[in-house]
Amino acid sequence: MSAHRTTLALTLACLGLAACDDAPTALGNLVVLPGGSALVFQGGATTAAERTRIEDIVAATTDAARDEFHHIARFRAEGPSETLFEAIVTEGLADRFTLELLAGDPPIWATAVQGAELVAWIETASETWMEPEFDPGPWFFAGFDSEVPQWTGYSIGWELTGRYLAANPSQNASTLVGTPASAFLPE
């Protein structure tokens, strides 16, 4: 595809809008992608093959990056997680952002621990989750010799961010990227 024939004017992140239909149509040829993103082509003529190729590249890149976008934005806004609770919230929001962007089912780690078992682990985690030094291994990763079930930290994050979002339906993971973790503390 030649640069002089086609200019990809911008990628609109429609996250946070009710729908991409709310995006300005005066920007040019709008192509809505799954998950709430859109491409706007401006300038010279674009062949169907060129458009398809660009759409495929953007979709594949978005799919590959998924929650890495949210982690980067949150790190810039809030800095690195210094407590277990901050890490739990960061992971919960990142998983929620993935679904906001791409739709589908929650990742397996987000729902690995459920029900009464999850409630018990939230209570256990709350005993130390504000301490400044923590070992993320037992809470987030597999392969550690620990009594904490695999992916418990992700499941706690999914639960707590879900509670917050249920109580604040005008919010979503993309609008909460810079919200301090303390906002997600259970009552």
Protein backbone atom coordinates (compact mmCIF):
# COMPACT_ATOMS: atom_id res chain seq x y z
CA MET A 1 0.00 0.00 0.00
CA SER A 2 1.46 3.33 -0.95
CA ALA A 3 1.52 6.14 1.60
CA HIS A 4 0.54 8.74 -1.03
CA ARG A 5 -2.68 6.87 -1.91
CA THR A 6 -3.94 6.25 1.61
CA THR A 7 -3.56 8.19 4.79
CA LEU A 8 -4.65 6.62 8.00
CA ALA A 9 -5.70 9.81 9.70
CA LEU A 10 -6.10 8.47 13.19
CA THR A 11 -7.30 5.65 15.33
CA LEU A 12 -10.22 6.66 17.45
CA ALA A 13 -10.48 5.06 20.83
CA CYS A 14 -14.20 5.28 21.42
CA LEU A 15 -13.81 3.78 24.85
CA GLY A 16 -16.01 5.56 27.32
CA LEU A 17 -18.56 6.62 24.73
CA ALA A 18 -21.98 5.02 24.68
CA ALA A 19 -21.13 3.65 21.25
CA CYS A 20 -18.80 4.42 18.41
CA ASP A 21 -21.86 5.82 16.65
CA ASP A 22 -21.24 8.87 18.86
CA ALA A 23 -17.92 9.50 17.08
CA PRO A 24 -17.92 12.40 14.67
CA THR A 25 -18.66 11.23 11.15
CA ALA A 26 -17.24 14.35 9.57
CA LEU A 27 -13.75 12.95 10.09
CA GLY A 28 -13.98 10.82 6.99
CA ASN A 29 -14.57 7.20 6.26
CA LEU A 30 -15.26 5.61 9.67
CA VAL A 31 -14.71 1.86 10.11
CA VAL A 32 -15.97 0.53 13.43
CA LEU A 33 -13.94 -2.37 14.83
CA PRO A 34 -15.10 -4.93 17.41
CA GLY A 35 -14.67 -3.82 20.99
CA GLY A 36 -15.34 -0.11 20.60
CA SER A 37 -12.47 1.13 18.45
CA ALA A 38 -12.71 2.72 15.05
CA LEU A 39 -10.46 3.69 12.16
CA VAL A 40 -10.94 6.84 10.16
CA PHE A 41 -9.53 6.94 6.62
CA GLN A 42 -8.98 10.35 5.08
CA GLY A 43 -7.38 11.50 1.92
CA GLY A 44 -6.86 9.48 -1.25
CA ALA A 45 -8.80 6.51 -2.43
CA THR A 46 -8.41 3.31 -0.47
CA THR A 47 -8.96 0.01 -2.18
CA ALA A 48 -11.01 -2.69 -0.50
CA ALA A 49 -7.87 -4.82 -0.18
CA GLU A 50 -5.93 -1.98 1.49
CA ARG A 51 -8.77 -1.30 3.93
CA THR A 52 -9.08 -4.95 4.81
CA ARG A 53 -5.33 -5.23 5.38
CA ILE A 54 -5.26 -2.15 7.64
CA GLU A 55 -8.28 -3.37 9.61
CA ASP A 56 -6.66 -6.80 10.05
CA ILE A 57 -3.39 -5.27 11.27
CA VAL A 58 -5.12 -2.99 13.79
CA ALA A 59 -7.35 -5.82 15.06
CA ALA A 60 -4.39 -8.19 15.44
CA THR A 61 -2.30 -5.55 17.20
CA THR A 62 -5.11 -4.65 19.57
CA ASP A 63 -5.72 -8.31 20.34
CA ALA A 64 -2.03 -8.91 20.99
CA ALA A 65 -1.65 -5.88 23.25
CA ARG A 66 -4.95 -6.22 25.13
CA ASP A 67 -4.48 -5.25 28.78
CA GLU A 68 -0.80 -4.11 28.27
CA PHE A 69 -2.41 -0.69 27.17
CA HIS A 70 -4.21 -0.36 30.51
CA HIS A 71 -1.12 -1.36 32.52
CA ILE A 72 0.96 1.32 30.81
CA ALA A 73 -1.65 4.04 31.28
CA ARG A 74 -2.21 3.07 34.92
CA PHE A 75 1.52 2.98 35.61
CA ARG A 76 1.84 6.50 34.20
CA ALA A 77 -1.11 7.76 36.25
CA GLU A 78 -0.57 5.92 39.53
CA GLY A 79 2.98 4.64 39.41
CA PRO A 80 4.01 1.06 40.17
CA SER A 81 1.97 -1.02 42.60
CA GLU A 82 3.56 -0.70 46.03
CA THR A 83 1.05 -2.86 47.91
CA LEU A 84 -0.78 -6.09 47.22
CA PHE A 85 -4.03 -4.15 47.12
CA GLU A 86 -2.74 -1.79 44.42
CA ALA A 87 -1.59 -4.78 42.36
CA ILE A 88 -4.98 -6.48 42.82
CA VAL A 89 -6.84 -3.38 41.60
CA THR A 90 -4.44 -2.85 38.69
CA GLU A 91 -4.94 -6.42 37.47
CA GLY A 92 -8.71 -6.29 37.96
CA LEU A 93 -8.99 -3.08 35.96
CA ALA A 94 -6.71 -4.43 33.23
CA ASP A 95 -8.89 -7.53 32.84
CA ARG A 96 -12.03 -5.37 32.80
CA PHE A 97 -10.39 -3.14 30.17
CA THR A 98 -9.69 -6.18 27.99
CA LEU A 99 -13.40 -7.03 27.98
CA GLU A 100 -14.33 -3.39 27.42
CA LEU A 101 -12.07 -3.31 24.38
CA LEU A 102 -12.57 -6.75 22.93
CA ALA A 103 -15.77 -8.10 24.54
CA GLY A 104 -16.07 -11.84 25.15
CA ASP A 105 -15.72 -13.82 28.36
CA PRO A 106 -13.51 -12.94 31.32
CA PRO A 107 -10.05 -14.51 31.20
CA ILE A 108 -9.76 -17.79 33.10
CA TRP A 109 -7.55 -16.25 35.81
CA ALA A 110 -10.15 -13.57 36.59
CA THR A 111 -12.70 -16.17 37.68
CA ALA A 112 -10.39 -18.95 38.89
CA VAL A 113 -11.55 -18.50 42.49
CA GLN A 114 -15.26 -17.90 43.09
CA GLY A 115 -18.05 -17.94 45.65
CA ALA A 116 -17.39 -18.58 49.33
CA GLU A 117 -13.77 -19.47 48.59
CA LEU A 118 -13.23 -16.05 47.00
CA VAL A 119 -14.89 -14.27 49.93
CA ALA A 120 -12.56 -16.10 52.32
CA TRP A 121 -9.48 -15.18 50.28
CA ILE A 122 -10.54 -11.54 50.09
CA GLU A 123 -10.68 -11.55 53.89
CA THR A 124 -7.27 -13.23 54.11
CA ALA A 125 -5.70 -10.83 51.61
CA SER A 126 -7.20 -7.81 53.41
CA GLU A 127 -5.15 -8.63 56.50
CA THR A 128 -1.92 -7.67 54.72
CA TRP A 129 -2.83 -6.04 51.42
CA MET A 130 -1.82 -2.52 52.51
CA GLU A 131 1.66 -3.51 53.67
CA PRO A 132 4.36 -1.79 51.59
CA GLU A 133 6.27 -4.95 50.74
CA PHE A 134 4.53 -7.93 49.24
CA ASP A 135 5.34 -11.04 47.27
CA PRO A 136 3.14 -11.17 44.16
CA GLY A 137 4.07 -14.79 43.44
CA PRO A 138 1.52 -16.60 45.60
CA TRP A 139 -1.28 -14.22 44.65
CA PHE A 140 -0.86 -13.97 40.88
CA PHE A 141 1.36 -16.64 39.40
CA ALA A 142 1.22 -20.40 38.99
CA GLY A 143 3.94 -22.79 40.01
CA PHE A 144 4.58 -21.46 43.52
CA ASP A 145 4.43 -23.71 46.52
CA SER A 146 1.66 -21.83 48.30
CA GLU A 147 -1.65 -22.43 49.99
CA VAL A 148 -3.10 -19.55 47.98
CA PRO A 149 -4.98 -20.99 44.99
CA GLN A 150 -3.61 -20.21 41.54
CA TRP A 151 -4.59 -16.73 40.26
CA THR A 152 -6.35 -15.65 43.46
CA GLY A 153 -5.09 -12.06 43.16
CA TYR A 154 -6.58 -11.75 39.68
CA SER A 155 -9.90 -13.16 40.90
CA ILE A 156 -9.97 -10.74 43.84
CA GLY A 157 -9.20 -7.84 41.48
CA TRP A 158 -11.95 -8.93 39.11
CA GLU A 159 -14.43 -9.12 41.99
CA LEU A 160 -13.56 -5.80 43.63
CA THR A 161 -13.48 -3.83 40.39
CA GLY A 162 -16.76 -5.50 39.40
CA ARG A 163 -18.37 -4.37 42.64
CA TYR A 164 -17.15 -0.82 42.05
CA LEU A 165 -18.43 -0.79 38.48
CA ALA A 166 -21.82 -2.16 39.56
CA ALA A 167 -22.13 0.68 42.07
CA ASN A 168 -20.88 3.26 39.52
CA PRO A 169 -22.48 2.29 36.19
CA SER A 170 -21.36 5.47 34.42
CA GLN A 171 -17.72 4.39 34.86
CA ASN A 172 -15.67 1.77 33.03
CA ALA A 173 -12.11 0.46 33.20
CA SER A 174 -10.81 3.02 30.72
CA THR A 175 -12.22 5.96 32.70
CA LEU A 176 -10.88 4.53 35.97
CA VAL A 177 -7.29 4.09 34.79
CA GLY A 178 -6.00 6.89 37.05
CA THR A 179 -8.30 6.23 40.01
CA PRO A 180 -6.41 5.46 43.22
CA ALA A 181 -6.74 1.86 44.42
CA SER A 182 -8.27 3.09 47.69
CA ALA A 183 -11.51 3.83 45.78
CA PHE A 184 -11.98 0.08 45.34
CA LEU A 185 -11.69 -0.88 49.01
CA PRO A 186 -14.60 -3.08 50.02
CA GLU A 187 -16.90 -1.66 52.65
